[in-house]
Amino acid sequence: MPNDIASAIIEAEARLRSAMLASDLAALDELIDHGLIFTNHLGQVFGKHDDLETHRSGLLKLERMDGSEMRVHVDGDCAVVSVRMALAGSFGPSSFSADLRYTRVWRRAPDGAWRVIAAHASELR
């Protein structure tokens, strides 16, 4: 069972990555819990509305998200993912590239769907 859940989480991570790259609001809305708490690499805290708005407005445009070093830990209806991500894109008028480590907490909702309830990003140097 944990291996099945780990596979489902890896698939959900891939769907999240694709949705972020495409700024697919419907998919992001499906994958992100309404109570999301996301702390970015600058220590700023955002909720789901804020996260979706950066995509909706075009403020954030991701061109590359290359993941590596993924670890998944399953505990009941929750899973924790740690993944290294090489990013490139633009935020407003400025281009950026970054090497980040994301930690995400996924929870299985009553409808059986996995959604991100918390996330944190740290810049690697």
N, C-alpha and C. Protein backbone atom coordinates (compact mmCIF):
# COMPACT_ATOMS: atom_id res chain seq x y z
N MET A 1 0.80 -1.21 0.00
CA MET A 1 0.00 0.00 0.00
C MET A 1 0.85 1.28 0.00
N PRO A 2 1.87 1.41 0.90
CA PRO A 2 2.68 2.62 0.86
C PRO A 2 3.34 2.86 -0.50
N ASN A 3 3.76 1.78 -1.19
CA ASN A 3 4.36 1.97 -2.51
C ASN A 3 3.35 2.49 -3.51
N ASP A 4 2.08 2.03 -3.41
CA ASP A 4 1.03 2.56 -4.28
C ASP A 4 0.81 4.04 -4.01
N ILE A 5 0.81 4.41 -2.73
CA ILE A 5 0.63 5.81 -2.36
C ILE A 5 1.83 6.63 -2.83
N ALA A 6 3.03 6.13 -2.64
CA ALA A 6 4.22 6.85 -3.10
C ALA A 6 4.16 7.07 -4.60
N SER A 7 3.70 6.08 -5.35
CA SER A 7 3.54 6.22 -6.80
C SER A 7 2.51 7.29 -7.13
N ALA A 8 1.41 7.32 -6.37
CA ALA A 8 0.37 8.34 -6.59
C ALA A 8 0.91 9.73 -6.30
N ILE A 9 1.75 9.85 -5.29
CA ILE A 9 2.33 11.14 -4.93
C ILE A 9 3.32 11.59 -6.01
N ILE A 10 4.13 10.68 -6.50
CA ILE A 10 5.08 11.02 -7.57
C ILE A 10 4.31 11.49 -8.80
N GLU A 11 3.20 10.84 -9.10
CA GLU A 11 2.35 11.26 -10.22
C GLU A 11 1.75 12.64 -9.95
N ALA A 12 1.29 12.87 -8.73
CA ALA A 12 0.72 14.18 -8.37
C ALA A 12 1.78 15.28 -8.48
N GLU A 13 3.01 14.98 -8.07
CA GLU A 13 4.10 15.94 -8.21
C GLU A 13 4.34 16.28 -9.68
N ALA A 14 4.28 15.28 -10.55
CA ALA A 14 4.47 15.51 -11.99
C ALA A 14 3.34 16.37 -12.54
N ARG A 15 2.11 16.10 -12.10
CA ARG A 15 0.96 16.91 -12.53
C ARG A 15 1.10 18.35 -12.05
N LEU A 16 1.56 18.52 -10.81
CA LEU A 16 1.76 19.86 -10.27
C LEU A 16 2.81 20.61 -11.07
N ARG A 17 3.91 19.96 -11.37
CA ARG A 17 4.98 20.57 -12.16
C ARG A 17 4.47 21.00 -13.53
N SER A 18 3.73 20.12 -14.21
CA SER A 18 3.17 20.44 -15.52
C SER A 18 2.19 21.61 -15.43
N ALA A 19 1.36 21.61 -14.40
CA ALA A 19 0.38 22.68 -14.22
C ALA A 19 1.08 24.02 -13.96
N MET A 20 2.16 23.99 -13.19
CA MET A 20 2.90 25.22 -12.92
C MET A 20 3.56 25.75 -14.19
N LEU A 21 4.15 24.86 -14.98
CA LEU A 21 4.80 25.28 -16.22
C LEU A 21 3.80 25.88 -17.21
N ALA A 22 2.59 25.34 -17.24
CA ALA A 22 1.57 25.80 -18.18
C ALA A 22 0.67 26.88 -17.58
N SER A 23 0.88 27.23 -16.31
CA SER A 23 -0.05 28.11 -15.58
C SER A 23 -1.49 27.64 -15.77
N ASP A 24 -1.68 26.34 -15.64
CA ASP A 24 -2.99 25.70 -15.79
C ASP A 24 -3.78 25.88 -14.49
N LEU A 25 -4.61 26.92 -14.46
CA LEU A 25 -5.32 27.28 -13.23
C LEU A 25 -6.27 26.19 -12.76
N ALA A 26 -6.94 25.52 -13.69
CA ALA A 26 -7.88 24.45 -13.30
C ALA A 26 -7.13 23.31 -12.61
N ALA A 27 -6.01 22.91 -13.17
CA ALA A 27 -5.22 21.83 -12.58
C ALA A 27 -4.62 22.26 -11.24
N LEU A 28 -4.11 23.49 -11.18
CA LEU A 28 -3.55 23.99 -9.92
C LEU A 28 -4.62 24.05 -8.84
N ASP A 29 -5.81 24.50 -9.20
CA ASP A 29 -6.92 24.57 -8.25
C ASP A 29 -7.26 23.19 -7.70
N GLU A 30 -7.16 22.19 -8.55
CA GLU A 30 -7.45 20.81 -8.17
C GLU A 30 -6.37 20.23 -7.25
N LEU A 31 -5.13 20.61 -7.47
CA LEU A 31 -3.99 20.01 -6.76
C LEU A 31 -3.62 20.72 -5.46
N ILE A 32 -4.07 21.96 -5.30
CA ILE A 32 -3.70 22.76 -4.14
C ILE A 32 -4.90 22.87 -3.20
N ASP A 33 -4.70 22.55 -1.94
CA ASP A 33 -5.76 22.63 -0.94
C ASP A 33 -6.11 24.08 -0.65
N HIS A 34 -7.39 24.32 -0.32
CA HIS A 34 -7.84 25.69 -0.04
C HIS A 34 -7.11 26.30 1.16
N GLY A 35 -6.60 25.48 2.06
CA GLY A 35 -5.90 25.98 3.25
C GLY A 35 -4.39 26.03 3.11
N LEU A 36 -3.88 25.95 1.88
CA LEU A 36 -2.43 25.94 1.64
C LEU A 36 -1.69 27.02 2.43
N ILE A 37 -0.57 26.63 3.00
CA ILE A 37 0.41 27.57 3.54
C ILE A 37 1.72 27.30 2.81
N PHE A 38 2.17 28.30 2.03
CA PHE A 38 3.41 28.16 1.26
C PHE A 38 4.38 29.25 1.70
N THR A 39 5.56 28.84 2.15
CA THR A 39 6.63 29.76 2.51
C THR A 39 7.68 29.69 1.42
N ASN A 40 7.91 30.83 0.74
CA ASN A 40 8.86 30.81 -0.36
C ASN A 40 10.30 30.97 0.14
N HIS A 41 11.23 30.98 -0.79
CA HIS A 41 12.65 31.03 -0.45
C HIS A 41 13.07 32.35 0.19
N LEU A 42 12.19 33.36 0.16
CA LEU A 42 12.47 34.64 0.80
C LEU A 42 11.81 34.74 2.18
N GLY A 43 11.11 33.68 2.57
CA GLY A 43 10.44 33.68 3.86
C GLY A 43 9.04 34.27 3.83
N GLN A 44 8.55 34.63 2.65
CA GLN A 44 7.20 35.18 2.52
C GLN A 44 6.19 34.04 2.53
N VAL A 45 5.04 34.28 3.18
CA VAL A 45 4.02 33.25 3.31
C VAL A 45 2.82 33.59 2.42
N PHE A 46 2.38 32.60 1.65
CA PHE A 46 1.28 32.77 0.71
C PHE A 46 0.23 31.69 0.92
N GLY A 47 -0.98 31.99 0.51
CA GLY A 47 -2.06 31.02 0.50
C GLY A 47 -2.39 30.60 -0.92
N LYS A 48 -3.40 29.78 -1.07
CA LYS A 48 -3.79 29.28 -2.38
C LYS A 48 -4.16 30.41 -3.32
N HIS A 49 -4.96 31.36 -2.85
CA HIS A 49 -5.39 32.47 -3.71
C HIS A 49 -4.18 33.22 -4.25
N ASP A 50 -3.21 33.51 -3.38
CA ASP A 50 -2.00 34.23 -3.80
C ASP A 50 -1.23 33.43 -4.85
N ASP A 51 -1.10 32.14 -4.61
CA ASP A 51 -0.37 31.26 -5.52
C ASP A 51 -1.03 31.26 -6.90
N LEU A 52 -2.35 31.05 -6.92
CA LEU A 52 -3.06 31.02 -8.20
C LEU A 52 -3.00 32.37 -8.90
N GLU A 53 -3.06 33.45 -8.13
CA GLU A 53 -3.06 34.79 -8.72
C GLU A 53 -1.75 35.10 -9.45
N THR A 54 -0.62 34.59 -8.96
CA THR A 54 0.64 34.84 -9.67
C THR A 54 0.62 34.22 -11.06
N HIS A 55 -0.08 33.10 -11.20
CA HIS A 55 -0.21 32.46 -12.51
C HIS A 55 -1.28 33.16 -13.35
N ARG A 56 -2.43 33.46 -12.74
CA ARG A 56 -3.55 34.09 -13.45
C ARG A 56 -3.13 35.43 -14.05
N SER A 57 -2.39 36.21 -13.28
CA SER A 57 -1.99 37.55 -13.70
C SER A 57 -0.84 37.54 -14.71
N GLY A 58 -0.14 36.41 -14.81
CA GLY A 58 1.03 36.35 -15.68
C GLY A 58 2.28 36.87 -15.00
N LEU A 59 2.18 37.23 -13.71
CA LEU A 59 3.34 37.73 -12.98
C LEU A 59 4.47 36.69 -12.96
N LEU A 60 4.10 35.43 -12.75
CA LEU A 60 5.07 34.33 -12.73
C LEU A 60 4.92 33.50 -13.99
N LYS A 61 6.01 33.34 -14.72
CA LYS A 61 6.04 32.48 -15.90
C LYS A 61 7.23 31.55 -15.77
N LEU A 62 6.94 30.28 -15.61
CA LEU A 62 8.01 29.29 -15.48
C LEU A 62 8.30 28.66 -16.83
N GLU A 63 9.57 28.61 -17.18
CA GLU A 63 9.99 28.02 -18.46
C GLU A 63 10.64 26.66 -18.26
N ARG A 64 11.20 26.46 -17.08
CA ARG A 64 11.91 25.20 -16.81
C ARG A 64 11.77 24.85 -15.34
N MET A 65 11.47 23.58 -15.09
CA MET A 65 11.44 23.04 -13.72
C MET A 65 12.00 21.63 -13.81
N ASP A 66 13.28 21.49 -13.55
CA ASP A 66 13.93 20.18 -13.63
C ASP A 66 14.11 19.63 -12.22
N GLY A 67 13.37 18.58 -11.91
CA GLY A 67 13.42 17.99 -10.58
C GLY A 67 14.45 16.87 -10.47
N SER A 68 15.01 16.74 -9.28
CA SER A 68 15.95 15.65 -8.99
C SER A 68 15.94 15.41 -7.48
N GLU A 69 16.62 14.36 -7.08
CA GLU A 69 16.79 14.05 -5.66
C GLU A 69 15.47 14.02 -4.89
N MET A 70 14.44 13.41 -5.48
CA MET A 70 13.14 13.35 -4.82
C MET A 70 13.11 12.26 -3.76
N ARG A 71 12.56 12.62 -2.61
CA ARG A 71 12.31 11.65 -1.54
C ARG A 71 10.85 11.78 -1.14
N VAL A 72 10.18 10.65 -0.93
CA VAL A 72 8.77 10.63 -0.54
C VAL A 72 8.64 9.81 0.73
N HIS A 73 7.98 10.38 1.72
CA HIS A 73 7.69 9.66 2.97
C HIS A 73 6.17 9.66 3.15
N VAL A 74 5.58 8.47 3.22
CA VAL A 74 4.13 8.31 3.37
C VAL A 74 3.82 7.97 4.82
N ASP A 75 2.79 8.64 5.35
CA ASP A 75 2.31 8.35 6.71
C ASP A 75 0.79 8.47 6.70
N GLY A 76 0.11 7.35 6.53
CA GLY A 76 -1.35 7.35 6.50
C GLY A 76 -1.87 8.12 5.30
N ASP A 77 -2.72 9.12 5.58
CA ASP A 77 -3.31 9.93 4.51
C ASP A 77 -2.50 11.19 4.23
N CYS A 78 -1.24 11.20 4.65
CA CYS A 78 -0.34 12.32 4.36
C CYS A 78 0.95 11.79 3.75
N ALA A 79 1.59 12.63 2.98
CA ALA A 79 2.89 12.30 2.41
C ALA A 79 3.73 13.56 2.39
N VAL A 80 5.01 13.40 2.66
CA VAL A 80 5.95 14.52 2.61
C VAL A 80 6.92 14.25 1.47
N VAL A 81 7.11 15.28 0.64
CA VAL A 81 8.02 15.18 -0.50
C VAL A 81 9.12 16.22 -0.34
N SER A 82 10.34 15.81 -0.58
CA SER A 82 11.47 16.73 -0.68
C SER A 82 12.03 16.54 -2.07
N VAL A 83 12.16 17.63 -2.81
CA VAL A 83 12.66 17.55 -4.18
C VAL A 83 13.51 18.77 -4.50
N ARG A 84 14.61 18.53 -5.16
CA ARG A 84 15.46 19.61 -5.66
C ARG A 84 14.90 20.04 -7.01
N MET A 85 14.84 21.35 -7.25
CA MET A 85 14.25 21.84 -8.48
C MET A 85 15.10 22.96 -9.06
N ALA A 86 15.55 22.77 -10.30
CA ALA A 86 16.25 23.83 -11.03
C ALA A 86 15.18 24.57 -11.83
N LEU A 87 15.00 25.84 -11.53
CA LEU A 87 13.94 26.65 -12.14
C LEU A 87 14.53 27.72 -13.04
N ALA A 88 13.75 28.10 -14.05
CA ALA A 88 14.06 29.27 -14.86
C ALA A 88 12.73 29.83 -15.33
N GLY A 89 12.68 31.15 -15.43
CA GLY A 89 11.46 31.80 -15.87
C GLY A 89 11.56 33.29 -15.66
N SER A 90 10.39 33.91 -15.45
CA SER A 90 10.37 35.35 -15.19
C SER A 90 9.35 35.65 -14.11
N PHE A 91 9.65 36.66 -13.34
CA PHE A 91 8.73 37.17 -12.33
C PHE A 91 8.60 38.65 -12.63
N GLY A 92 7.44 39.04 -13.14
CA GLY A 92 7.29 40.40 -13.63
C GLY A 92 8.23 40.60 -14.80
N PRO A 93 8.94 41.73 -14.83
CA PRO A 93 9.83 41.99 -15.95
C PRO A 93 11.21 41.33 -15.83
N SER A 94 11.46 40.67 -14.72
CA SER A 94 12.80 40.13 -14.46
C SER A 94 12.89 38.63 -14.70
N SER A 95 13.91 38.23 -15.45
CA SER A 95 14.18 36.80 -15.65
C SER A 95 14.92 36.27 -14.42
N PHE A 96 14.77 34.99 -14.17
CA PHE A 96 15.48 34.39 -13.04
C PHE A 96 15.81 32.94 -13.34
N SER A 97 16.79 32.44 -12.63
CA SER A 97 17.05 31.01 -12.56
C SER A 97 17.41 30.74 -11.10
N ALA A 98 17.03 29.58 -10.62
CA ALA A 98 17.26 29.27 -9.21
C ALA A 98 17.39 27.78 -9.01
N ASP A 99 18.13 27.43 -8.00
CA ASP A 99 18.27 26.04 -7.57
C ASP A 99 17.64 25.97 -6.19
N LEU A 100 16.47 25.33 -6.10
CA LEU A 100 15.70 25.31 -4.86
C LEU A 100 15.46 23.89 -4.38
N ARG A 101 15.21 23.78 -3.10
CA ARG A 101 14.76 22.52 -2.50
C ARG A 101 13.35 22.79 -1.97
N TYR A 102 12.38 22.04 -2.49
CA TYR A 102 10.99 22.16 -2.04
C TYR A 102 10.67 21.03 -1.08
N THR A 103 9.93 21.36 -0.04
CA THR A 103 9.31 20.36 0.82
C THR A 103 7.81 20.60 0.72
N ARG A 104 7.07 19.57 0.35
CA ARG A 104 5.62 19.69 0.23
C ARG A 104 4.94 18.62 1.06
N VAL A 105 3.83 18.99 1.67
CA VAL A 105 2.99 18.05 2.41
C VAL A 105 1.71 17.85 1.61
N TRP A 106 1.46 16.60 1.25
CA TRP A 106 0.26 16.22 0.51
C TRP A 106 -0.68 15.50 1.48
N ARG A 107 -1.99 15.77 1.36
CA ARG A 107 -2.98 15.07 2.17
C ARG A 107 -4.06 14.53 1.25
N ARG A 108 -4.49 13.30 1.55
CA ARG A 108 -5.58 12.71 0.77
C ARG A 108 -6.89 13.28 1.31
N ALA A 109 -7.66 13.91 0.42
CA ALA A 109 -8.94 14.51 0.78
C ALA A 109 -10.01 13.43 0.87
N PRO A 110 -11.16 13.74 1.47
CA PRO A 110 -12.24 12.76 1.56
C PRO A 110 -12.67 12.19 0.20
N ASP A 111 -12.49 12.99 -0.87
CA ASP A 111 -12.86 12.50 -2.21
C ASP A 111 -11.77 11.61 -2.83
N GLY A 112 -10.69 11.37 -2.09
CA GLY A 112 -9.61 10.50 -2.55
C GLY A 112 -8.49 11.21 -3.28
N ALA A 113 -8.69 12.50 -3.60
CA ALA A 113 -7.68 13.27 -4.33
C ALA A 113 -6.56 13.71 -3.38
N TRP A 114 -5.35 13.75 -3.90
CA TRP A 114 -4.20 14.24 -3.14
C TRP A 114 -4.03 15.72 -3.42
N ARG A 115 -3.89 16.52 -2.34
CA ARG A 115 -3.73 17.97 -2.49
C ARG A 115 -2.59 18.46 -1.58
N VAL A 116 -1.89 19.48 -2.06
CA VAL A 116 -0.82 20.09 -1.28
C VAL A 116 -1.45 20.97 -0.20
N ILE A 117 -1.08 20.71 1.07
CA ILE A 117 -1.59 21.53 2.16
C ILE A 117 -0.53 22.47 2.72
N ALA A 118 0.74 22.16 2.49
CA ALA A 118 1.83 23.01 2.96
C ALA A 118 3.04 22.81 2.07
N ALA A 119 3.81 23.89 1.91
CA ALA A 119 5.03 23.80 1.09
C ALA A 119 6.03 24.84 1.58
N HIS A 120 7.29 24.53 1.36
CA HIS A 120 8.38 25.43 1.73
C HIS A 120 9.47 25.30 0.68
N ALA A 121 10.06 26.42 0.31
CA ALA A 121 11.16 26.43 -0.65
C ALA A 121 12.39 27.05 -0.01
N SER A 122 13.53 26.42 -0.20
CA SER A 122 14.81 26.96 0.28
C SER A 122 15.76 27.05 -0.91
N GLU A 123 16.49 28.15 -0.97
CA GLU A 123 17.47 28.31 -2.05
C GLU A 123 18.74 27.55 -1.70
N LEU A 124 19.25 26.80 -2.66
CA LEU A 124 20.50 26.08 -2.49
C LEU A 124 21.63 26.92 -3.06
N ARG A 125 22.74 26.88 -2.39
CA ARG A 125 23.89 27.68 -2.85
C ARG A 125 25.09 26.81 -3.04
